[in-house]
């Protein structure tokens, strides 16, 4: 069995009165489409408490177009968009995961990666003879939830018990016919927030989903916190005692999250602007224009321009019908996506010196394939600026950072990388500058993919923890 790591988007809604819950979920998942493009699913409950779940591989608009025409108004719905970094992209691995059991009928959506999943799966198979139908971590959570419901017969306590068993990253939304439970791991690796839509309560991976459906942001779910909301709006909160291992995934701010989202009180847009400003201060460089790589480099490029005073201009025309190349499932597909997605704007760059801002360099092949067409179109100089430090370590918590041996920064110096990808100069964002952005809002980032120091111990790799300072 090949392990599945996921970077996904989740949503839940519960209302005291029936409404187009599935429709709101679909609209929210469309706003979260950037978090996963391989599959999507929505689960809801009919008036007789029958669980209905529709999911398939593909994009939100394609998966739900016919389904939404036939779904009545309901009180509860949960949605998911999926991105698998390894393994098969199948309907079986698409979420939400449904459970119909004498103790529990629910639909569960999960964002993150459970680092002790293999150990837990082995224990359940060997001890209890359980049969798994998927290769994702989420089914393990469902199995644990059933076991705990048999013991305590209380969904909130059962979920809380499961939270204390799981290790790693998990933001969860669990829907039953009469309530929704939302939970976030004690380190807060993955974002999760709560909002209000009239009398309804909503949960989502990012606040941009609330803007899309006209909901008001209420607050972020805190690390180690569980919130339960029933149909009447009654709220129950449980909190884990030890949440000292704080570590919001820094790549949420660099690349994953949408610019119009707020995470743990920090504007993603403002964070990226500040990354660009810091890059400009780190290594001032003369050029005719500052250009960003669409779309993840645009905000940082604008920040660089504002700080340096160099005009901001486009270097590429983007094919808007292409997806995000970073989250394609294979390197070969990523490279094809880059080639089809971005075309240099000759009229803007020919004969010019440009500062090109991008979010990251992982393997180096994408940057090389991006710079060569600029050269072919007659650009004079390309000074590449990266709004993150060099990747040197894998991610164990749900972001598709390659194994250490495949990361170019582990084999080449900055000057060697610069030469290989064909740039005139190359500068990465300094680690201290990056962490300072979060520190201003009291946020501690997980920077393990850059430093090898993780908020918690992980099996099968480096077992470092954050420095105290």
Protein backbone atom coordinates (compact mmCIF):
# COMPACT_ATOMS: atom_id res chain seq x y z
CA UNK A 1 0.00 0.00 0.00
CA UNK A 2 1.26 3.46 -0.89
CA UNK A 3 0.70 6.18 1.65
CA UNK A 4 -1.51 9.11 0.73
CA UNK A 5 -0.65 12.61 1.84
CA UNK A 6 -3.27 15.26 1.25
CA UNK A 7 -3.53 19.00 0.94
CA UNK A 8 -7.26 19.58 0.77
CA UNK A 9 -10.11 21.98 1.45
CA UNK A 10 -13.04 21.29 3.78
CA UNK A 11 -16.39 22.96 4.51
CA UNK A 12 -19.39 22.36 6.73
CA UNK A 13 -22.75 24.04 7.32
CA UNK A 14 -25.58 23.49 9.83
CA UNK A 15 -28.82 25.43 10.05
CA UNK A 16 -31.87 25.32 12.34
CA UNK A 17 -34.05 25.53 9.25
CA UNK A 18 -33.65 23.68 5.93
CA UNK A 19 -31.74 25.60 3.26
CA UNK A 20 -29.73 24.85 0.15
CA UNK A 21 -26.97 23.33 2.26
CA UNK A 22 -25.47 21.30 -0.58
CA UNK A 23 -25.53 24.34 -2.85
CA UNK A 24 -23.72 26.46 -0.29
CA UNK A 25 -21.20 23.66 0.14
CA UNK A 26 -20.60 23.52 -3.62
CA UNK A 27 -20.09 27.28 -3.83
CA UNK A 28 -17.68 27.16 -0.89
CA UNK A 29 -15.76 24.27 -2.42
CA UNK A 30 -15.45 26.26 -5.63
CA UNK A 31 -13.80 29.03 -3.59
CA UNK A 32 -11.48 26.39 -2.12
CA UNK A 33 -10.75 24.73 -5.46
CA UNK A 34 -7.15 25.95 -5.29
CA UNK A 35 -6.59 23.53 -2.39
CA UNK A 36 -7.39 20.46 -4.47
CA UNK A 37 -8.26 19.72 -8.07
CA UNK A 38 -8.32 15.93 -8.26
CA UNK A 39 -11.66 15.18 -6.66
CA UNK A 40 -14.60 16.67 -4.79
CA UNK A 41 -17.48 15.50 -2.64
CA UNK A 42 -20.53 16.70 -0.72
CA UNK A 43 -22.54 14.81 1.90
CA UNK A 44 -25.91 15.83 3.31
CA UNK A 45 -28.84 14.28 5.19
CA UNK A 46 -32.41 14.06 3.93
CA UNK A 47 -35.37 14.71 6.22
CA UNK A 48 -35.49 11.04 7.26
CA UNK A 49 -31.79 11.28 8.29
CA UNK A 50 -30.66 9.27 5.27
CA UNK A 51 -27.03 10.07 4.42
CA UNK A 52 -26.48 11.07 0.80
CA UNK A 53 -22.93 11.51 -0.46
CA UNK A 54 -21.99 12.50 -3.98
CA UNK A 55 -18.32 12.53 -4.95
CA UNK A 56 -16.12 11.92 -7.93
CA UNK A 57 -12.76 12.72 -9.43
CA UNK A 58 -12.56 16.07 -11.20
CA UNK A 59 -13.27 19.73 -10.54
CA UNK A 60 -16.12 21.10 -8.45
CA UNK A 61 -18.20 22.40 -11.37
CA UNK A 62 -17.97 19.07 -13.19
CA UNK A 63 -18.64 16.87 -10.16
CA UNK A 64 -21.70 18.68 -8.78
CA UNK A 65 -23.45 20.12 -11.84
CA UNK A 66 -26.16 17.45 -12.11
CA UNK A 67 -26.21 16.51 -8.43
CA UNK A 68 -27.31 19.96 -7.24
CA UNK A 69 -30.38 19.94 -9.51
CA UNK A 70 -31.97 17.14 -7.50
CA UNK A 71 -30.94 17.84 -3.90
CA UNK A 72 -33.69 19.28 -1.67
CA UNK A 73 -33.19 21.79 1.11
CA UNK A 74 -31.47 20.19 4.10
CA UNK A 75 -30.09 21.30 7.47
CA UNK A 76 -26.56 19.93 7.27
CA UNK A 77 -23.86 19.45 4.63
CA UNK A 78 -20.13 18.86 4.51
CA UNK A 79 -17.84 19.26 1.49
CA UNK A 80 -14.29 18.42 0.45
CA UNK A 81 -11.88 19.07 -2.40
CA UNK A 82 -8.99 16.67 -2.67
CA UNK A 83 -5.37 16.75 -3.68
CA UNK A 84 -3.40 13.53 -3.32
CA UNK A 85 0.38 13.75 -3.46
CA UNK A 86 0.84 10.02 -4.03
CA UNK A 87 -1.39 7.04 -4.70
CA UNK A 88 -4.33 6.54 -7.01
CA UNK A 89 -6.82 9.30 -7.66
CA UNK A 90 -9.99 7.24 -7.27
CA UNK A 91 -13.57 7.81 -6.19
CA UNK A 92 -12.91 5.54 -3.19
CA UNK A 93 -10.21 7.89 -1.92
CA UNK A 94 -12.34 10.98 -2.45
CA UNK A 95 -13.98 12.53 0.59
CA UNK A 96 -16.17 12.99 2.59
CA UNK A 97 -15.85 9.49 4.04
CA UNK A 98 -19.25 8.10 5.03
CA UNK A 99 -19.98 6.02 8.11
CA UNK A 100 -23.27 4.19 8.69
CA UNK A 101 -23.08 2.27 11.96
CA UNK A 102 -25.46 1.43 14.79
CA UNK A 103 -23.59 3.92 16.98
CA UNK A 104 -22.87 6.61 14.40
CA UNK A 105 -24.01 7.86 11.02
CA UNK A 106 -21.75 10.63 9.80
CA UNK A 107 -19.73 12.13 6.97
CA UNK A 108 -16.18 13.26 7.70
CA UNK A 109 -13.86 15.58 5.76
CA UNK A 110 -10.19 15.91 6.66
CA UNK A 111 -7.32 18.20 5.67
CA UNK A 112 -3.81 17.20 6.68
CA UNK A 113 -1.65 14.14 7.18
CA UNK A 114 -1.71 11.76 10.16
CA UNK A 115 1.90 10.83 10.87
CA UNK A 116 1.03 7.73 12.93
CA UNK A 117 -1.53 6.51 10.38
CA UNK A 118 0.41 3.39 9.37
CA UNK A 119 0.85 2.37 13.01
CA UNK A 120 -2.84 2.92 13.78
CA UNK A 121 -3.98 1.07 10.67
CA UNK A 122 -1.78 -1.90 11.53
CA UNK A 123 -3.08 -2.03 15.08
CA UNK A 124 -6.71 -1.96 13.96
CA UNK A 125 -6.22 -4.62 11.29
CA UNK A 126 -4.27 -6.96 13.57
CA UNK A 127 -6.27 -6.43 16.75
CA UNK A 128 -9.78 -5.88 15.50
CA UNK A 129 -9.81 -7.46 12.05
CA UNK A 130 -10.98 -4.23 10.47
CA UNK A 131 -11.17 -3.96 6.69
CA UNK A 132 -10.20 -0.69 5.01
CA UNK A 133 -11.69 0.36 1.68
CA UNK A 134 -9.43 3.34 0.96
CA UNK A 135 -5.74 4.22 1.21
CA UNK A 136 -6.23 7.62 2.84
CA UNK A 137 -5.76 8.70 6.45
CA UNK A 138 -9.36 9.82 6.82
CA UNK A 139 -10.83 6.33 6.97
CA UNK A 140 -8.55 5.62 9.93
CA UNK A 141 -10.10 8.59 11.74
CA UNK A 142 -13.58 7.21 10.98
CA UNK A 143 -12.65 3.79 12.35
CA UNK A 144 -11.27 5.30 15.54
CA UNK A 145 -14.38 7.44 15.89
CA UNK A 146 -16.65 4.38 15.75
CA UNK A 147 -14.55 2.61 18.41
CA UNK A 148 -14.78 5.62 20.71
CA UNK A 149 -18.53 6.01 20.11
CA UNK A 150 -19.02 2.40 21.20
CA UNK A 151 -17.20 3.25 24.44
CA UNK A 152 -18.74 6.61 25.36
CA UNK A 153 -21.77 7.14 23.05
CA UNK A 154 -21.08 10.87 22.89
CA UNK A 155 -19.86 12.36 19.61
CA UNK A 156 -18.01 15.29 21.12
CA UNK A 157 -16.15 13.16 23.66
CA UNK A 158 -15.49 10.43 21.10
CA UNK A 159 -14.01 12.94 18.65
CA UNK A 160 -11.96 14.51 21.44
CA UNK A 161 -10.62 11.07 22.40
CA UNK A 162 -9.62 10.49 18.77
CA UNK A 163 -7.83 13.84 18.71
CA UNK A 164 -5.67 12.59 21.58
CA UNK A 165 -4.81 9.41 19.65
CA UNK A 166 -3.91 11.05 16.35
CA UNK A 167 -0.50 12.54 15.65
CA UNK A 168 0.28 15.03 12.93
CA UNK A 169 -1.93 17.44 11.02
CA UNK A 170 -5.71 17.36 10.93
CA UNK A 171 -8.48 19.86 10.49
CA UNK A 172 -11.78 17.99 10.60
CA UNK A 173 -15.43 18.64 9.89
CA UNK A 174 -17.83 15.85 10.93
CA UNK A 175 -21.51 16.02 10.03
CA UNK A 176 -24.35 13.97 11.54
CA UNK A 177 -28.09 14.46 10.90
CA UNK A 178 -28.37 16.94 13.77
CA UNK A 179 -24.94 18.46 14.43
CA UNK A 180 -21.53 19.38 13.08
CA UNK A 181 -18.25 18.91 14.91
CA UNK A 182 -15.16 20.84 13.80
CA UNK A 183 -11.69 20.15 15.22
CA UNK A 184 -8.09 21.26 14.67
CA UNK A 185 -4.91 19.48 15.75
CA UNK A 186 -2.99 20.79 18.75
CA UNK A 187 -0.20 22.32 16.62
CA UNK A 188 -2.59 24.08 14.25
CA UNK A 189 -0.76 22.88 11.14
CA UNK A 190 -3.76 23.38 8.86
CA UNK A 191 -6.21 26.30 8.99
CA UNK A 192 -9.85 26.06 10.02
CA UNK A 193 -12.31 28.87 10.75
CA UNK A 194 -15.94 29.42 11.73
CA UNK A 195 -18.53 31.83 10.33
CA UNK A 196 -22.24 32.71 10.36
CA UNK A 197 -24.69 32.72 7.47
CA UNK A 198 -27.88 34.12 8.95
CA UNK A 199 -28.86 31.57 11.60
CA UNK A 200 -26.59 28.91 10.08
CA UNK A 201 -23.07 28.16 11.29
CA UNK A 202 -20.35 27.40 8.76
CA UNK A 203 -16.81 26.05 8.93
CA UNK A 204 -14.12 26.17 6.25
CA UNK A 205 -10.42 25.74 5.62
CA UNK A 206 -10.16 29.39 4.59
CA UNK A 207 -12.19 32.53 5.15
CA UNK A 208 -12.43 33.16 1.38
CA UNK A 209 -15.11 30.44 1.31
CA UNK A 210 -17.30 32.58 3.59
CA UNK A 211 -16.95 35.60 1.31
CA UNK A 212 -18.10 33.47 -1.62
CA UNK A 213 -21.38 32.44 0.04
CA UNK A 214 -22.08 35.72 1.85
CA UNK A 215 -21.23 34.45 5.33
CA UNK A 216 -19.56 36.50 8.06
CA UNK A 217 -16.25 35.40 9.53
CA UNK A 218 -16.51 34.78 13.29
CA UNK A 219 -13.14 33.39 14.34
CA UNK A 220 -10.44 30.81 13.74
CA UNK A 221 -10.68 27.43 15.41
CA UNK A 222 -7.80 27.36 17.85
CA UNK A 223 -5.15 24.63 17.82
CA UNK A 224 -6.36 21.70 19.92
CA UNK A 225 -9.95 22.97 19.92
CA UNK A 226 -13.17 21.09 19.17
CA UNK A 227 -16.43 22.93 18.51
CA UNK A 228 -19.81 21.22 18.22
CA UNK A 229 -22.92 23.00 16.89
CA UNK A 230 -26.37 21.38 16.80
CA UNK A 231 -29.39 22.42 14.75
CA UNK A 232 -30.64 24.78 17.45
CA UNK A 233 -27.31 26.59 17.43
CA UNK A 234 -26.22 25.23 20.80
CA UNK A 235 -22.43 25.24 21.05
CA UNK A 236 -20.11 22.92 22.92
CA UNK A 237 -16.34 23.43 23.12
CA UNK A 238 -13.57 21.08 24.25
CA UNK A 239 -9.88 21.99 24.29
CA UNK A 240 -6.74 19.92 24.58
CA UNK A 241 -4.59 21.01 27.51
CA UNK A 242 -1.16 20.95 25.87
CA UNK A 243 -1.02 23.04 22.70
CA UNK A 244 2.57 24.21 23.11
CA UNK A 245 3.66 22.69 19.79
CA UNK A 246 2.34 25.58 17.69
CA UNK A 247 3.22 25.45 14.01
CA UNK A 248 0.94 26.80 11.29
CA UNK A 249 2.28 25.52 7.97
CA UNK A 250 4.29 28.45 6.59
CA UNK A 251 3.57 27.28 3.04
CA UNK A 252 -0.07 28.23 3.59
CA UNK A 253 1.15 31.84 3.59
CA UNK A 254 3.68 31.39 0.81
CA UNK A 255 1.60 29.45 -1.71
CA UNK A 256 -1.35 27.29 -0.66
CA UNK A 257 -3.95 29.71 0.73
CA UNK A 258 -5.85 32.20 -1.40
CA UNK A 259 -4.72 35.82 -1.14
CA UNK A 260 -8.10 37.06 0.11
CA UNK A 261 -8.08 34.71 3.11
CA UNK A 262 -7.17 35.48 6.70
CA UNK A 263 -5.52 32.70 8.71
CA UNK A 264 -5.07 32.97 12.48
CA UNK A 265 -5.57 36.73 12.20
CA UNK A 266 -2.99 37.25 9.46
CA UNK A 267 -3.93 38.43 5.98
CA UNK A 268 -2.41 36.12 3.39
CA UNK A 269 -2.21 39.04 0.95
CA UNK A 270 -0.40 41.28 3.43
CA UNK A 271 1.97 38.47 4.36
CA UNK A 272 2.95 37.99 0.73
CA UNK A 273 3.36 41.72 0.18
CA UNK A 274 5.73 41.80 3.15
CA UNK A 275 7.70 38.85 1.74
CA UNK A 276 8.29 40.89 -1.41
CA UNK A 277 9.25 43.99 0.54
CA UNK A 278 11.77 42.00 2.53
CA UNK A 279 13.27 40.54 -0.64
CA UNK A 280 13.75 44.05 -1.98
CA UNK A 281 15.52 45.09 1.22
CA UNK A 282 17.68 41.98 1.32
CA UNK A 283 19.36 42.51 -2.04
CA UNK A 284 18.55 45.75 -3.90
CA UNK A 285 18.82 45.18 -7.66
CA UNK A 286 18.40 47.51 -10.63
CA UNK A 287 15.93 46.51 -13.32
CA UNK A 288 13.34 47.94 -15.68
CA UNK A 289 10.38 46.05 -14.19
CA UNK A 290 9.34 43.78 -11.35
CA UNK A 291 7.28 40.84 -12.60
CA UNK A 292 5.51 38.08 -10.71
CA UNK A 293 4.92 34.48 -11.76
CA UNK A 294 1.12 34.06 -11.96
CA UNK A 295 -0.53 33.63 -9.61
CA UNK A 296 1.46 32.72 -6.53
CA UNK A 297 4.28 35.22 -7.14
CA UNK A 298 2.16 38.27 -7.95
CA UNK A 299 1.53 39.58 -4.44
CA UNK A 300 5.18 39.28 -3.42
CA UNK A 301 6.21 40.93 -6.70
CA UNK A 302 3.92 43.86 -5.94
CA UNK A 303 5.50 44.14 -2.49
CA UNK A 304 8.96 44.15 -4.08
CA UNK A 305 7.88 46.89 -6.46
CA UNK A 306 6.37 49.04 -3.70
CA UNK A 307 9.51 48.74 -1.59
CA UNK A 308 12.03 49.24 -4.41
CA UNK A 309 10.17 51.81 -6.48
CA UNK A 310 10.71 49.73 -9.62
CA UNK A 311 7.55 49.58 -11.77
CA UNK A 312 5.37 46.49 -11.55
CA UNK A 313 4.47 44.86 -14.89
CA UNK A 314 3.42 41.45 -16.25
CA UNK A 315 5.97 39.07 -17.76
CA UNK A 316 3.53 36.33 -18.72
CA UNK A 317 0.04 35.84 -20.09
CA UNK A 318 -1.66 33.07 -18.15
CA UNK A 319 -4.03 30.50 -19.58
CA UNK A 320 -6.83 30.80 -17.02
CA UNK A 321 -8.14 27.34 -17.82
CA UNK A 322 -5.10 25.60 -16.39
CA UNK A 323 -4.75 24.48 -12.78
CA UNK A 324 -1.99 24.97 -10.23
CA UNK A 325 1.19 23.23 -11.38
CA UNK A 326 2.59 22.67 -7.88
CA UNK A 327 -0.28 20.39 -6.91
CA UNK A 328 -0.27 18.20 -10.00
CA UNK A 329 0.37 14.56 -8.99
CA UNK A 330 3.59 14.00 -10.97
CA UNK A 331 6.61 16.02 -12.04
CA UNK A 332 5.99 15.24 -15.71
CA UNK A 333 2.45 16.61 -15.49
CA UNK A 334 3.71 19.67 -13.59
CA UNK A 335 6.16 20.50 -16.37
CA UNK A 336 3.53 20.11 -19.08
CA UNK A 337 1.16 22.33 -17.08
CA UNK A 338 3.77 25.08 -16.78
CA UNK A 339 4.43 25.01 -20.52
CA UNK A 340 0.75 25.30 -21.39
CA UNK A 341 -0.18 27.73 -18.64
CA UNK A 342 2.33 30.60 -19.03
CA UNK A 343 3.42 32.37 -22.20
CA UNK A 344 5.91 35.28 -22.08
CA UNK A 345 4.60 38.73 -22.97
CA UNK A 346 7.16 39.70 -25.63
CA UNK A 347 6.00 43.31 -25.96
CA UNK A 348 6.72 43.88 -22.26
CA UNK A 349 9.99 42.02 -21.72
CA UNK A 350 11.95 42.18 -24.97
CA UNK A 351 15.25 43.94 -24.40
CA UNK A 352 14.40 44.61 -20.75
CA UNK A 353 15.98 43.66 -17.43
CA UNK A 354 13.38 42.16 -15.11
CA UNK A 355 13.14 41.05 -11.50
CA UNK A 356 11.02 37.92 -11.58
CA UNK A 357 9.38 36.89 -8.28
CA UNK A 358 8.18 33.35 -7.60
CA UNK A 359 7.09 31.54 -4.45
CA UNK A 360 9.57 28.66 -4.38
CA UNK A 361 12.07 26.41 -6.13
CA UNK A 362 11.62 22.73 -5.34
CA UNK A 363 13.32 20.64 -7.99
CA UNK A 364 14.45 23.44 -10.29
CA UNK A 365 12.96 22.08 -13.50
CA UNK A 366 9.91 24.37 -13.40
CA UNK A 367 12.07 27.49 -12.97
CA UNK A 368 14.33 26.40 -15.81
CA UNK A 369 11.39 25.79 -18.13
CA UNK A 370 9.96 29.18 -17.16
CA UNK A 371 13.12 31.23 -17.75
CA UNK A 372 14.10 29.69 -21.09
CA UNK A 373 11.03 31.07 -22.95
CA UNK A 374 11.82 34.51 -21.51
CA UNK A 375 15.26 34.27 -23.05
CA UNK A 376 13.76 33.11 -26.33
CA UNK A 377 11.51 36.19 -26.31
CA UNK A 378 14.51 38.51 -25.98
CA UNK A 379 14.61 39.42 -22.28
CA UNK A 380 17.91 41.11 -21.42
CA UNK A 381 18.31 40.01 -17.79
CA UNK A 382 16.30 37.83 -15.40
CA UNK A 383 16.92 38.33 -11.68
CA UNK A 384 14.92 35.62 -9.91
CA UNK A 385 13.67 36.35 -6.40
CA UNK A 386 12.03 33.62 -4.30
CA UNK A 387 9.61 34.49 -1.48
CA UNK A 388 10.68 31.48 0.60
CA UNK A 389 13.95 29.95 1.81
CA UNK A 390 15.43 26.91 -0.01
CA UNK A 391 13.54 23.63 0.44
CA UNK A 392 15.85 21.07 2.06
CA UNK A 393 13.58 18.67 3.98
CA UNK A 394 10.36 16.73 3.35
CA UNK A 395 6.99 17.69 4.79
CA UNK A 396 5.26 15.09 6.95
CA UNK A 397 2.08 17.05 7.50
CA UNK A 398 0.35 17.20 4.13
CA UNK A 399 2.26 19.46 1.72
CA UNK A 400 3.84 17.86 -1.33
CA UNK A 401 7.49 18.64 -0.61
CA UNK A 402 9.63 16.02 -2.31
CA UNK A 403 12.10 13.70 -0.59
CA UNK A 404 15.35 15.34 0.44
CA UNK A 405 17.39 13.71 -2.31
CA UNK A 406 15.18 15.28 -4.99
CA UNK A 407 15.38 18.83 -3.64
CA UNK A 408 17.81 20.89 -5.69
CA UNK A 409 18.99 22.98 -2.72
CA UNK A 410 20.50 19.85 -1.17
CA UNK A 411 22.79 19.31 -4.15
CA UNK A 412 23.69 22.78 -5.38
CA UNK A 413 24.69 26.14 -3.99
CA UNK A 414 22.57 29.19 -4.74
CA UNK A 415 25.02 30.23 -7.46
CA UNK A 416 24.91 26.75 -9.01
CA UNK A 417 21.10 26.74 -8.98
CA UNK A 418 21.11 30.17 -10.57
CA UNK A 419 23.37 28.94 -13.37
CA UNK A 420 21.34 25.76 -13.91
CA UNK A 421 17.98 27.50 -14.25
CA UNK A 422 19.43 30.23 -16.49
CA UNK A 423 18.93 33.31 -14.29
CA UNK A 424 21.34 36.24 -14.02
CA UNK A 425 21.00 36.30 -10.24
CA UNK A 426 19.05 34.40 -7.58
CA UNK A 427 18.00 35.39 -4.06
CA UNK A 428 15.87 33.47 -1.56
CA UNK A 429 13.93 35.06 1.29
CA UNK A 430 15.91 34.87 4.51
CA UNK A 431 14.45 32.57 7.18
CA UNK A 432 14.50 35.22 9.91
CA UNK A 433 12.56 37.61 7.68
CA UNK A 434 9.98 34.92 6.94
CA UNK A 435 9.34 33.98 10.56
CA UNK A 436 9.17 37.66 11.55
CA UNK A 437 6.02 38.02 9.44
CA UNK A 438 4.21 35.54 11.66
CA UNK A 439 5.80 36.76 14.89
CA UNK A 440 4.22 40.20 14.43
CA UNK A 441 0.82 38.51 14.81
CA UNK A 442 1.93 36.04 17.47
CA UNK A 443 1.98 33.16 14.97
CA UNK A 444 4.65 30.48 15.11
CA UNK A 445 5.16 28.77 11.76
CA UNK A 446 6.16 25.21 11.02
CA UNK A 447 9.27 25.70 8.88
CA UNK A 448 10.38 22.06 8.87
CA UNK A 449 10.64 21.89 5.07
CA UNK A 450 13.31 24.62 5.25
CA UNK A 451 15.04 23.89 8.57
CA UNK A 452 14.41 20.22 9.36
CA UNK A 453 12.98 21.30 12.72
CA UNK A 454 9.36 20.26 13.21
CA UNK A 455 6.86 21.17 15.97
CA UNK A 456 6.51 17.48 16.90
CA UNK A 457 8.60 14.38 16.46
CA UNK A 458 7.98 12.48 13.24
CA UNK A 459 8.75 8.89 12.38
CA UNK A 460 10.83 7.89 9.40
CA UNK A 461 12.89 11.05 9.19
CA UNK A 462 14.50 13.88 11.12
CA UNK A 463 13.19 14.09 14.68
CA UNK A 464 13.86 17.69 15.56
CA UNK A 465 11.74 20.19 17.42
CA UNK A 466 11.51 23.94 17.23
CA UNK A 467 14.22 25.99 18.90
CA UNK A 468 13.04 27.75 22.03
CA UNK A 469 13.80 31.20 20.58
